[in-house]
Protein backbone atom coordinates (compact mmCIF):
# COMPACT_ATOMS: atom_id res chain seq x y z
CA MET A 1 61.16 4.11 -109.05
CA SER A 2 58.37 4.56 -111.46
CA PRO A 3 56.46 7.79 -111.57
CA VAL A 4 53.28 5.98 -110.68
CA LEU A 5 54.64 4.70 -107.44
CA ILE A 6 55.96 8.10 -106.60
CA ALA A 7 52.54 9.59 -107.25
CA VAL A 8 50.82 6.96 -105.11
CA ALA A 9 53.31 7.49 -102.32
CA GLY A 10 52.75 11.20 -102.54
CA VAL A 11 48.97 10.76 -102.30
CA VAL A 12 49.33 8.46 -99.33
CA VAL A 13 51.57 10.89 -97.54
CA LEU A 14 49.19 13.66 -98.36
CA LEU A 15 46.27 11.66 -96.99
CA ALA A 16 48.27 10.83 -93.90
CA LEU A 17 49.09 14.44 -93.31
CA LEU A 18 45.46 15.37 -93.91
CA ALA A 19 44.30 12.74 -91.47
CA LEU A 20 46.83 13.96 -88.90
CA VAL A 21 45.62 17.48 -89.32
CA VAL A 22 42.01 16.40 -88.92
CA ILE A 23 42.82 14.36 -85.84
CA THR A 24 44.78 17.12 -84.18
CA ARG A 25 42.23 19.81 -84.93
CA TYR A 26 39.11 17.87 -83.93
CA LYS A 27 38.34 18.68 -80.31
CA VAL A 28 35.84 17.00 -77.98
CA ALA A 29 34.57 18.90 -74.94
CA GLY A 30 34.66 17.17 -71.54
CA PRO A 31 31.56 16.80 -69.33
CA ASN A 32 32.59 19.84 -67.26
CA GLU A 33 33.85 21.92 -70.17
CA ALA A 34 32.39 24.22 -72.73
CA PHE A 35 34.18 25.17 -76.00
CA LEU A 36 33.83 28.59 -77.37
CA ILE A 37 34.79 28.67 -81.05
CA THR A 38 35.47 32.06 -82.36
CA GLY A 39 36.49 33.27 -85.79
CA ARG A 40 33.19 34.05 -87.35
CA ARG A 41 31.77 37.49 -87.31
CA GLY A 42 28.48 38.09 -85.62
CA LYS A 43 25.47 39.77 -86.98
CA LYS A 44 25.95 43.43 -87.71
CA SER A 45 23.58 45.93 -86.27
CA VAL A 46 23.42 49.71 -86.71
CA ASP A 47 22.39 52.03 -83.88
CA PRO A 48 19.64 54.16 -85.32
CA VAL A 49 20.52 57.04 -83.03
CA THR A 50 24.25 57.23 -83.28
CA GLY A 51 24.62 55.24 -86.52
CA SER A 52 27.47 53.21 -85.07
CA ILE A 53 27.89 49.66 -86.32
CA SER A 54 28.30 46.71 -83.84
CA HIS A 55 28.35 42.91 -84.09
CA ASP A 56 26.57 40.55 -81.62
CA THR A 57 27.98 37.31 -80.22
CA SER A 58 26.14 35.04 -82.58
CA GLY A 59 29.41 34.45 -84.35
CA GLN A 60 30.73 32.58 -81.31
CA LYS A 61 29.95 28.92 -81.28
CA VAL A 62 29.45 27.20 -77.96
CA ILE A 63 30.05 23.46 -77.76
CA VAL A 64 29.00 21.61 -74.58
CA GLY A 65 29.55 17.85 -74.38
CA GLY A 66 30.30 17.49 -78.09
CA GLY A 67 33.13 17.69 -80.63
CA ILE A 68 34.06 20.19 -83.27
CA PHE A 69 36.71 20.58 -85.92
CA VAL A 70 38.57 23.79 -85.43
CA VAL A 71 39.64 25.15 -88.72
CA PRO A 72 43.26 26.04 -88.53
CA PHE A 73 44.16 29.66 -88.92
CA VAL A 74 40.42 30.52 -89.16
CA GLN A 75 38.91 29.55 -85.89
CA GLN A 76 40.16 29.56 -82.32
CA ARG A 77 39.01 27.38 -79.47
CA PHE A 78 38.60 28.55 -75.85
CA VAL A 79 37.67 26.31 -72.91
CA MET A 80 35.33 27.40 -70.17
CA ASP A 81 35.35 25.35 -66.96
CA LEU A 82 31.79 24.47 -65.94
CA SER A 83 32.75 22.80 -62.66
CA SER A 84 31.08 23.92 -59.43
CA ARG A 85 33.15 26.07 -57.15
CA HIS A 86 33.09 25.82 -53.37
CA ILE A 87 33.36 29.41 -52.22
CA PRO A 88 33.56 30.39 -48.55
CA VAL A 89 31.89 33.67 -47.63
CA THR A 90 32.81 35.56 -44.48
CA VAL A 91 31.26 38.79 -43.22
CA ARG A 92 32.50 40.60 -40.13
CA GLY A 93 30.66 43.30 -38.23
CA ALA A 94 27.36 43.17 -40.13
CA VAL A 95 24.80 45.35 -38.34
CA THR A 96 21.38 43.81 -37.73
CA LEU A 97 17.98 45.47 -37.50
CA ARG A 98 18.50 46.15 -33.74
CA GLY A 99 22.05 47.38 -34.17
CA VAL A 100 23.81 44.26 -33.02
CA LYS A 101 26.99 43.49 -34.92
CA VAL A 102 27.27 39.89 -36.03
CA ASN A 103 29.85 37.79 -37.81
CA LEU A 104 28.60 35.39 -40.47
CA ASP A 105 30.37 32.44 -42.04
CA GLY A 106 28.78 30.71 -45.00
CA VAL A 107 29.61 28.67 -48.03
CA ALA A 108 28.28 28.94 -51.58
CA ILE A 109 28.34 26.48 -54.46
CA VAL A 110 28.63 28.47 -57.70
CA LYS A 111 29.12 27.35 -61.26
CA VAL A 112 28.89 28.75 -64.78
CA GLY A 113 25.44 28.34 -66.25
CA GLY A 114 24.88 25.52 -68.77
CA GLY A 115 23.09 27.67 -71.37
CA GLU A 116 24.88 29.24 -74.34
CA ASP A 117 24.00 32.75 -73.23
CA ALA A 118 25.31 32.13 -69.73
CA ILE A 119 28.51 30.57 -71.08
CA ARG A 120 29.04 33.48 -73.43
CA ALA A 121 28.37 35.98 -70.60
CA ALA A 122 30.75 34.15 -68.22
CA ALA A 123 33.32 33.84 -70.97
CA GLN A 124 33.21 37.54 -71.63
CA ARG A 125 33.82 38.23 -67.89
CA PHE A 126 35.96 35.39 -66.62
CA LEU A 127 37.41 33.44 -69.63
CA THR A 128 40.97 34.59 -69.11
CA GLN A 129 40.65 34.97 -65.33
CA GLN A 130 38.35 32.19 -64.23
CA ASP A 131 39.75 32.33 -60.71
CA GLY A 132 38.05 35.70 -60.40
CA ILE A 133 34.69 33.89 -60.15
CA VAL A 134 35.51 33.17 -56.49
CA SER A 135 36.31 36.73 -55.48
CA PHE A 136 33.38 38.08 -57.51
CA THR A 137 30.97 35.67 -55.87
CA GLN A 138 32.33 36.50 -52.41
CA GLU A 139 31.82 40.21 -53.01
CA VAL A 140 28.27 39.71 -54.28
CA LEU A 141 27.26 37.40 -51.45
CA SER A 142 28.90 39.61 -48.82
CA GLY A 143 26.90 42.56 -50.03
CA ALA A 144 23.72 40.50 -50.09
CA LEU A 145 24.42 39.22 -46.57
CA ARG A 146 24.92 42.69 -45.17
CA SER A 147 21.78 43.88 -46.93
CA ILE A 148 19.61 41.03 -45.60
CA VAL A 149 21.10 41.14 -42.09
CA GLY A 150 20.27 44.83 -41.91
CA ARG A 151 16.59 43.97 -42.33
CA MET A 152 16.50 41.16 -39.77
CA SER A 153 17.20 40.65 -36.08
CA VAL A 154 19.73 38.23 -34.70
CA GLU A 155 16.96 36.05 -33.35
CA ASP A 156 15.33 35.81 -36.80
CA VAL A 157 18.64 34.97 -38.45
CA ILE A 158 19.37 32.26 -35.90
CA ARG A 159 15.79 30.96 -35.77
CA ASP A 160 15.51 30.31 -39.54
CA ARG A 161 18.85 30.06 -41.25
CA ALA A 162 17.37 28.40 -44.31
CA ALA A 163 15.02 31.32 -44.95
CA PHE A 164 17.87 33.74 -44.35
CA ALA A 165 20.10 31.89 -46.84
CA SER A 166 17.26 31.78 -49.34
CA GLN A 167 16.79 35.55 -49.10
CA VAL A 168 20.53 36.06 -49.58
CA ALA A 169 20.48 33.78 -52.64
CA GLU A 170 17.55 35.68 -54.09
CA GLU A 171 19.33 38.97 -53.43
CA ALA A 172 22.54 37.82 -55.16
CA GLU A 173 20.91 35.82 -57.95
CA ALA A 174 20.41 38.80 -60.25
CA SER A 175 24.02 39.90 -59.96
CA LEU A 176 25.40 36.39 -60.47
CA SER A 177 23.11 35.45 -63.35
CA GLY A 178 24.07 38.64 -65.17
CA GLN A 179 27.62 37.29 -65.23
CA GLY A 180 26.57 33.87 -66.40
CA LEU A 181 26.93 32.30 -62.94
CA VAL A 182 24.46 30.10 -61.16
CA LEU A 183 24.24 29.84 -57.36
CA ASP A 184 23.44 26.22 -56.59
CA THR A 185 23.33 26.47 -52.82
CA PHE A 186 24.20 28.88 -50.09
CA GLN A 187 24.43 27.83 -46.46
CA ILE A 188 25.08 29.81 -43.28
CA GLN A 189 27.64 27.84 -41.27
CA ASP A 190 28.21 30.04 -38.26
CA ILE A 191 26.74 33.14 -36.68
CA THR A 192 28.50 34.98 -33.90
CA ALA A 193 27.87 38.32 -32.30
CA GLU A 194 30.23 40.78 -30.78
CA GLY A 195 30.14 40.72 -27.02
CA SER A 196 28.00 38.21 -25.11
CA TYR A 197 24.71 38.91 -26.87
CA LEU A 198 24.27 35.42 -28.23
CA GLU A 199 25.41 33.88 -24.96
CA ASP A 200 22.92 36.01 -23.03
CA LEU A 201 20.25 35.27 -25.62
CA GLY A 202 20.73 31.58 -25.32
CA ARG A 203 21.28 31.49 -21.59
CA PRO A 204 17.60 30.79 -20.64
CA GLU A 205 17.34 28.17 -23.31
CA ALA A 206 20.71 26.80 -22.21
CA ALA A 207 19.49 26.70 -18.61
CA LYS A 208 16.25 25.07 -19.72
CA ALA A 209 18.17 22.67 -21.88
CA LYS A 210 20.52 21.93 -18.99
CA GLN A 211 17.55 21.37 -16.70
CA GLU A 212 15.96 19.07 -19.23
CA ALA A 213 19.27 17.35 -19.70
CA ASP A 214 19.70 16.93 -15.95
CA THR A 215 16.15 15.64 -15.67
CA ALA A 216 16.69 13.30 -18.57
CA GLU A 217 19.99 12.20 -17.05
CA ALA A 218 18.35 11.59 -13.67
CA GLU A 219 15.52 9.73 -15.35
CA ALA A 220 18.03 7.74 -17.33
CA ARG A 221 19.94 6.96 -14.13
CA ARG A 222 16.69 5.95 -12.46
CA ILE A 223 15.74 3.73 -15.34
CA SER A 224 19.26 2.36 -15.44
CA GLU A 225 19.19 1.72 -11.68
CA GLN A 226 15.78 0.06 -11.96
CA ALA A 227 17.06 -2.00 -14.85
CA ARG A 228 20.12 -2.93 -12.80
CA LEU A 229 17.97 -3.89 -9.82
CA ARG A 230 15.65 -5.90 -12.06
CA ALA A 231 18.66 -7.56 -13.60
CA GLU A 232 20.09 -8.35 -10.16
CA GLU A 233 16.68 -9.63 -9.08
CA GLU A 234 16.46 -11.80 -12.16
CA ILE A 235 20.00 -13.02 -11.49
CA ALA A 236 19.08 -13.78 -7.88
CA VAL A 237 15.93 -15.59 -9.02
CA ALA A 238 17.95 -17.48 -11.60
CA GLN A 239 20.55 -18.38 -8.98
CA ARG A 240 17.83 -19.50 -6.61
CA THR A 241 16.25 -21.58 -9.34
CA LEU A 242 19.67 -22.98 -10.14
CA TYR A 243 20.35 -23.81 -6.50
CA LEU A 244 16.93 -25.41 -6.13
CA ARG A 245 17.42 -27.39 -9.30
CA GLN A 246 20.87 -28.44 -8.16
CA ALA A 247 19.40 -29.48 -4.82
CA GLU A 248 16.68 -31.44 -6.59
CA ILE A 249 19.21 -33.10 -8.85
CA LYS A 250 21.43 -33.89 -5.85
CA ALA A 251 18.44 -35.26 -3.97
CA GLU A 252 17.46 -37.36 -6.94
CA THR A 253 21.08 -38.49 -7.34
CA ASP A 254 21.34 -39.31 -3.65
CA ALA A 255 18.03 -41.14 -3.79
CA ALA A 256 19.16 -43.08 -6.84
CA ALA A 257 22.48 -43.86 -5.17
CA ALA A 258 20.70 -44.88 -1.97
CA GLN A 259 18.27 -46.95 -3.97
CA ALA A 260 21.16 -48.52 -5.85
CA GLY A 261 22.99 -49.09 -2.57
CA ALA A 262 19.88 -50.54 -0.99
CA ALA A 263 19.08 -52.73 -3.96
CA GLY A 264 21.09 -55.62 -2.53
CA PRO A 265 19.63 -55.42 0.99
CA LEU A 266 16.17 -54.93 -0.46
CA ALA A 267 16.56 -57.99 -2.60
CA GLU A 268 17.81 -59.88 0.43
CA ALA A 269 14.89 -58.51 2.45
CA ASP A 270 12.47 -59.55 -0.26
CA ARG A 271 13.98 -62.98 -0.27
CA GLN A 272 13.73 -63.16 3.50
CA GLN A 273 10.18 -61.87 3.29
CA GLU A 274 9.35 -64.58 0.80
CA ILE A 275 10.94 -67.16 3.09
CA LEU A 276 8.96 -65.84 6.03
CA THR A 277 5.80 -65.87 3.98
CA GLN A 278 6.36 -69.46 3.02
CA GLN A 279 7.24 -70.33 6.62
CA GLU A 280 4.11 -68.54 7.76
CA LYS A 281 2.05 -70.58 5.34
CA VAL A 282 3.71 -73.76 6.59
CA ALA A 283 3.05 -72.69 10.17
CA GLU A 284 -0.55 -71.91 9.36
CA ARG A 285 -0.97 -75.26 7.75
CA GLN A 286 0.69 -76.89 10.73
CA ALA A 287 -1.55 -74.94 13.08
CA ALA A 288 -4.58 -75.98 11.06
CA LEU A 289 -3.44 -79.56 11.20
CA LYS A 290 -2.82 -79.23 14.94
CA ASP A 291 -6.23 -77.63 15.35
CA ARG A 292 -7.85 -80.47 13.51
CA GLN A 293 -5.93 -82.91 15.66
CA LEU A 294 -7.13 -81.08 18.78
CA ASP A 295 -10.69 -81.15 17.46
CA THR A 296 -10.41 -84.84 16.88
CA GLU A 297 -8.50 -85.78 20.01
CA VAL A 298 -9.52 -83.19 22.61
CA ARG A 299 -12.38 -80.85 21.76
CA LYS A 300 -14.83 -83.34 20.39
CA PRO A 301 -14.31 -85.82 23.29
CA ALA A 302 -14.58 -82.89 25.68
CA ASP A 303 -17.76 -81.72 24.01
CA ALA A 304 -19.15 -85.19 24.24
CA ALA A 305 -18.28 -85.36 27.93
CA ARG A 306 -19.76 -81.92 28.53
CA TYR A 307 -22.89 -82.87 26.70
CA GLN A 308 -23.16 -85.97 28.78
CA SER A 309 -22.68 -83.97 31.97
CA GLU A 310 -25.31 -81.50 30.86
CA GLN A 311 -27.73 -84.25 30.12
CA GLU A 312 -27.09 -85.83 33.50
CA ALA A 313 -27.52 -82.46 35.23
CA GLU A 314 -30.75 -81.85 33.37
CA ALA A 315 -32.01 -85.20 34.37
CA LYS A 316 -31.14 -84.48 38.00
CA ARG A 317 -32.83 -81.08 37.80
CA VAL A 318 -35.98 -82.58 36.36
CA ALA A 319 -35.93 -85.15 39.11
CA ARG A 320 -35.53 -82.47 41.76
CA VAL A 321 -38.36 -80.48 40.24
CA LYS A 322 -40.60 -83.43 40.22
CA GLN A 323 -39.62 -84.16 43.79
CA ALA A 324 -40.33 -80.56 44.80
CA GLU A 325 -43.70 -80.66 43.07
CA ALA A 326 -44.50 -83.81 44.89
CA GLU A 327 -43.48 -82.26 48.19
CA ARG A 328 -45.51 -79.10 47.41
CA GLU A 329 -48.55 -81.17 46.58
CA ALA A 330 -48.03 -83.04 49.82
CA GLN A 331 -47.81 -79.77 51.75
CA ILE A 332 -50.94 -78.49 50.03
CA ALA A 333 -52.71 -81.59 50.98
CA ALA A 334 -51.49 -81.21 54.55
CA ALA A 335 -52.56 -77.55 54.58
CA GLN A 336 -55.94 -78.44 53.29
CA ALA A 337 -56.19 -81.02 56.01
CA GLU A 338 -55.11 -78.43 58.57
CA ALA A 339 -57.64 -75.96 57.23
CA GLU A 340 -60.30 -78.48 57.57
CA ARG A 341 -59.24 -79.00 61.12
CA ALA A 342 -59.24 -75.23 61.77
CA ARG A 343 -62.69 -74.86 60.28
CA LEU A 344 -63.77 -77.47 62.67
CA THR A 345 -62.25 -75.46 65.53
CA GLY A 346 -63.64 -71.91 64.48
CA GLU A 347 -65.13 -71.05 67.83
CA GLY A 348 -61.79 -71.20 69.51
CA GLU A 349 -60.44 -68.81 66.90
CA LYS A 350 -63.25 -66.36 67.56
CA GLN A 351 -62.45 -66.27 71.24
CA ARG A 352 -58.78 -65.72 70.43
CA ARG A 353 -59.59 -62.77 68.22
CA SER A 354 -61.83 -61.22 70.84
CA ALA A 355 -59.00 -61.49 73.32
CA LEU A 356 -56.67 -59.88 70.84
CA ALA A 357 -59.12 -56.97 70.30
CA GLU A 358 -59.42 -56.36 73.98
CA ALA A 359 -55.66 -56.38 74.29
CA GLU A 360 -55.34 -53.89 71.47
CA ALA A 361 -57.97 -51.58 73.04
CA ILE A 362 -56.13 -51.63 76.32
CA GLU A 363 -52.92 -50.85 74.52
CA GLY A 364 -54.60 -47.91 72.67
CA LEU A 365 -55.82 -46.44 75.89
CA LYS A 366 -52.35 -46.66 77.26
CA ARG A 367 -50.92 -44.91 74.17
CA GLY A 368 -53.55 -42.10 74.40
CA GLU A 369 -52.80 -41.55 78.03
CA ALA A 370 -49.12 -41.34 77.27
CA GLU A 371 -49.77 -38.82 74.44
CA ARG A 372 -51.84 -36.63 76.68
CA SER A 373 -49.15 -36.71 79.32
CA ARG A 374 -46.52 -35.74 76.73
CA ARG A 375 -48.60 -32.80 75.40
CA ALA A 376 -49.35 -31.61 78.98
CA ALA A 377 -45.64 -31.63 79.69
CA ILE A 378 -44.97 -29.60 76.52
CA ALA A 379 -47.67 -27.08 77.45
CA ASP A 380 -46.23 -26.72 80.94
CA ALA A 381 -42.80 -26.12 79.45
CA VAL A 382 -44.14 -23.46 77.04
CA ARG A 383 -46.04 -21.75 79.80
CA ILE A 384 -43.04 -21.71 82.08
CA GLU A 385 -40.89 -20.32 79.23
CA GLY A 386 -43.50 -17.57 78.48
CA GLU A 387 -43.68 -16.66 82.12
CA ALA A 388 -39.90 -16.40 82.26
CA GLU A 389 -39.81 -14.24 79.12
CA ALA A 390 -42.61 -12.00 80.45
CA SER A 391 -40.78 -11.63 83.70
CA SER A 392 -37.65 -10.69 81.77
CA ILE A 393 -39.50 -8.11 79.64
CA LEU A 394 -41.21 -6.74 82.76
CA ALA A 395 -37.87 -6.46 84.48
CA GLN A 396 -36.30 -4.76 81.42
CA GLY A 397 -39.22 -2.33 81.10
CA THR A 398 -39.12 -1.59 84.78
CA ALA A 399 -35.42 -0.92 84.53
CA GLU A 400 -35.88 1.31 81.46
CA ALA A 401 -38.77 3.14 83.18
CA GLU A 402 -36.65 3.66 86.21
CA ALA A 403 -33.82 4.89 83.96
CA MET A 404 -36.18 7.23 82.13
CA GLN A 405 -37.55 8.44 85.41
CA LYS A 406 -34.07 9.04 86.64
CA LYS A 407 -33.23 10.87 83.34
CA ALA A 408 -36.42 12.91 83.71
CA ASP A 409 -35.55 13.71 87.27
CA ALA A 410 -32.09 14.63 86.17
CA TYR A 411 -33.38 16.76 83.29
CA GLU A 412 -35.86 18.41 85.59
CA ARG A 413 -33.18 18.94 88.20
CA TYR A 414 -30.57 20.25 85.81
CA GLY A 415 -32.93 22.05 83.35
CA GLU A 416 -31.07 23.70 80.41
CA ALA A 417 -27.91 21.79 81.24
CA ALA A 418 -29.66 18.51 80.49
CA GLN A 419 -31.20 19.90 77.30
CA LEU A 420 -27.82 21.23 76.29
CA GLN A 421 -26.33 17.84 76.95
CA MET A 422 -28.93 16.22 74.70
CA LEU A 423 -28.36 18.81 71.98
CA ILE A 424 -24.65 18.33 72.19
CA GLU A 425 -25.16 14.58 71.83
CA VAL A 426 -27.37 14.93 68.73
CA LEU A 427 -25.46 17.89 67.23
CA PRO A 428 -22.76 15.70 65.53
CA GLN A 429 -25.53 13.65 63.95
CA VAL A 430 -27.19 16.86 62.66
CA VAL A 431 -23.89 18.11 61.21
CA ALA A 432 -23.23 14.68 59.68
CA LYS A 433 -26.66 14.63 58.04
CA ALA A 434 -26.16 18.22 56.83
CA SER A 435 -22.83 17.36 55.20
CA GLU A 436 -23.95 13.93 53.97
CA PRO A 437 -24.85 15.18 50.41
CA LEU A 438 -21.33 16.55 50.07
CA SER A 439 -19.76 13.23 51.16
CA ALA A 440 -21.35 11.55 48.11
CA VAL A 441 -19.50 13.95 45.77
CA ASP A 442 -16.40 12.33 44.22
CA LYS A 443 -14.98 15.49 42.70
CA LEU A 444 -16.12 19.01 43.49
CA THR A 445 -15.29 22.13 41.51
CA VAL A 446 -16.22 25.37 43.24
CA ILE A 447 -17.15 28.22 40.91
CA SER A 448 -17.60 31.21 43.17
CA THR A 449 -16.07 34.59 43.69
CA ASP A 450 -15.70 33.68 47.36
CA GLY A 451 -13.39 30.75 46.60
CA ALA A 452 -13.42 27.48 48.52
CA GLY A 453 -14.60 29.31 51.66
CA GLN A 454 -18.19 29.00 50.32
CA LEU A 455 -18.11 25.25 51.08
CA PRO A 456 -17.95 25.47 54.90
CA ARG A 457 -20.46 28.30 54.79
CA THR A 458 -22.85 26.00 52.93
CA VAL A 459 -22.44 23.32 55.61
CA ALA A 460 -22.97 25.94 58.33
CA ASN A 461 -26.14 27.14 56.62
CA ASN A 462 -27.44 23.55 56.47
CA VAL A 463 -26.73 23.12 60.21
CA ALA A 464 -28.50 26.37 60.95
CA GLN A 465 -31.51 25.27 58.92
CA GLY A 466 -31.47 21.91 60.75
CA ILE A 467 -31.45 23.68 64.11
CA GLU A 468 -34.32 25.93 63.07
CA LEU A 469 -36.28 22.85 61.95
CA LEU A 470 -35.53 21.15 65.28
CA SER A 471 -36.69 24.24 67.17
CA SER A 472 -39.94 24.44 65.21
CA ALA A 473 -40.61 20.70 65.72
CA THR A 474 -39.87 20.55 69.47
CA GLY A 475 -40.86 24.07 70.47
CA VAL A 476 -37.48 24.47 72.17
CA ASP A 477 -35.34 27.45 71.27
CA VAL A 478 -32.25 25.44 70.46
CA ALA A 479 -30.33 28.40 69.10
CA SER A 480 -30.81 30.33 72.28
CA ILE A 481 -29.70 27.37 74.35
CA LEU A 482 -26.57 26.93 72.25
CA THR A 483 -25.85 30.66 72.31
CA GLY A 484 -26.26 30.74 76.06
CA ALA A 485 -24.01 27.75 76.50
CA ALA A 486 -21.33 29.29 74.28
CA LYS A 487 -21.19 32.62 76.17
CA PRO A 488 -20.19 33.28 79.82
CA LYS A 489 -22.97 34.09 82.24
CA GLY A 490 -21.88 37.69 82.68
CA ALA A 491 -21.52 38.30 78.99
CA ALA A 492 -24.92 36.73 78.44
CA ALA A 493 -26.48 39.20 80.85
CA VAL A 494 -24.73 42.14 79.22
CA ASN A 495 -25.45 41.14 75.63
CA GLY A 496 -28.92 39.89 76.29
CA ALA A 497 -30.41 42.58 74.12
CA ALA A 498 -28.22 41.63 71.19
CA GLU A 499 -29.35 37.99 71.43
CA ALA A 500 -33.02 38.87 71.50
CA LYS A 501 -33.78 37.14 68.11
CA PRO A 502 -35.01 33.65 68.93
CA GLY A 503 -34.56 30.62 66.69
CA ARG A 504 -31.63 32.06 64.71
CA ILE A 505 -28.00 31.24 64.88
CA GLU A 506 -25.05 32.91 63.22
CA VAL A 507 -22.28 30.75 61.96
CA THR A 508 -19.05 32.38 60.87
CA ASP A 509 -16.17 30.79 59.07
C-alpha cells in the first residue's frame, strides 16, 4: 500500500473519530429539560470587609430547549427536570381563628421556574435530589395553610375556598420562589373538622336544602303527574278521534258497499221507472185521445142537446111571462072596472063605514067597562090583603103588649128577683163584650210580675166597668143587686155595713 493511501485512510479515520466525538458530545435539551453546563469559573468578587474571594454562578451555562457541545474533560452537563409536579398537601389539626381544629386536604402543581436564575437556584438545592421538591413544597404549603387558617374562621374557609387558596399561595410564594420553584396552582380539595362542627354548621342549610329539594321533588312530581294526565288526555282524545275516524271510514265503506250492492236494483228500478214513465205517457196520450173522442161523441152532442133544452125552456118562460103579463093587465082592467063600479056605489060604502064605527064604539065601551071591573077587583083584593095584614099586626102588637104587661106585672110582683133575672140574662153578653178584644188576639205574651193571672183580672175589671156604666145609665144599683143575690139573707143583714159602697163590685181571681 502506498504511503499516500495510508495517509488518506488515516485522515478519514481521524475525521470519522472526530465526527463521532462531536456527535456524542453534542447534547440537545428536551422541552421539559434544562441543561446546566459547568466547567467555567464565574466572576470573582472580593468581600471588602473580610477580603475573602468568591465566584458567582455566571460560569454556569443554562440551556433550555436548545443544543450545546459539551467539551470533553472540560465541561460537564447536568439535567434539571422542568416538568410540573402534582403534590398532595395534607394538614391535620389546624386551629382556626375560633379555636376549631380542622383537617385540610389540597393539591399543588409546582414546577421549576423557566428563568436561568430560577433554574440555577433550583439546581443548587435540588439537582441531585429532585424528589425533594415534593417534600419541600409540602412543608412550605403546610406551614402556609396553618398560618392562614389561624387567621380565618371555618365558615370563611368553607365560604371562599378560592380566596383561601390564593392567600396560601401568596404566603408560600416567597419561600418557593427563593428555591427556584413556581407554584402554578393550589386547590383545597377537602375540609373537615373534628367533632360535628361542620355537620352542625351545615344542618340548617341541609334542612333548607332538603326542604327545597322536597318542594322541588313534589313540584316535579306534580308537573310529571300533570304531564302524565295531559298525555293520557291526549291519548284518549287521539283514540276518540281514531275511533270516530274508523267509524266514519266504516260508514263510508258500508255506504259504498250498500251503494255498490244496490247499483243493480237501482239500475233495474231506473229501468222500471223509465218504462213506467213511457207507459204513463202512452196512457196520457190514450186518455187525451179518449177525451177527444168523448168530446166528439158525447160531450158536444150533450152540450148541443142541453143548449136546445135551455132554449126551449127560455122560450117557454118567455111565453109564461107574456101570459102572466096579459093576465095581470086583464086583472087590472077588471079592477079598474070594479073601482068604477064602487065609485058609482059610494053611498053604500059610507053607510057601511058608519056602521063599522058604531060597532067599534060599542066594543070600546065594553072594553072600558071590563077594565074598570078588573081594576076594581084588584083594589078590593089589595084592600082585603091590607086589612088582613093590619089585623095581623094589631093581633101581634096586642099579644106583645099583653106579654109586656104580664112581664111588668111579674117584675112589679117579684121586684129585685125580676131585675136580677134580667141582669143574669144580660150578664153573659156583658162578659162576652168585655172579653171580645182579647178574642181577636192570635198570640198573647204577658209581660207582668203577676204572671198570667193578670189576664183574668183584666177581664174582671172590664166587667166591673161595664156594670158601673150600666148602673149609671139605668140608675139601678146593679152591683148591689148582684151582691145581694150572691149572699144569703142573714149574711146580707149582718154585713150590710160592709156593703155600704154603692155601684162598686169586687172581683177576685
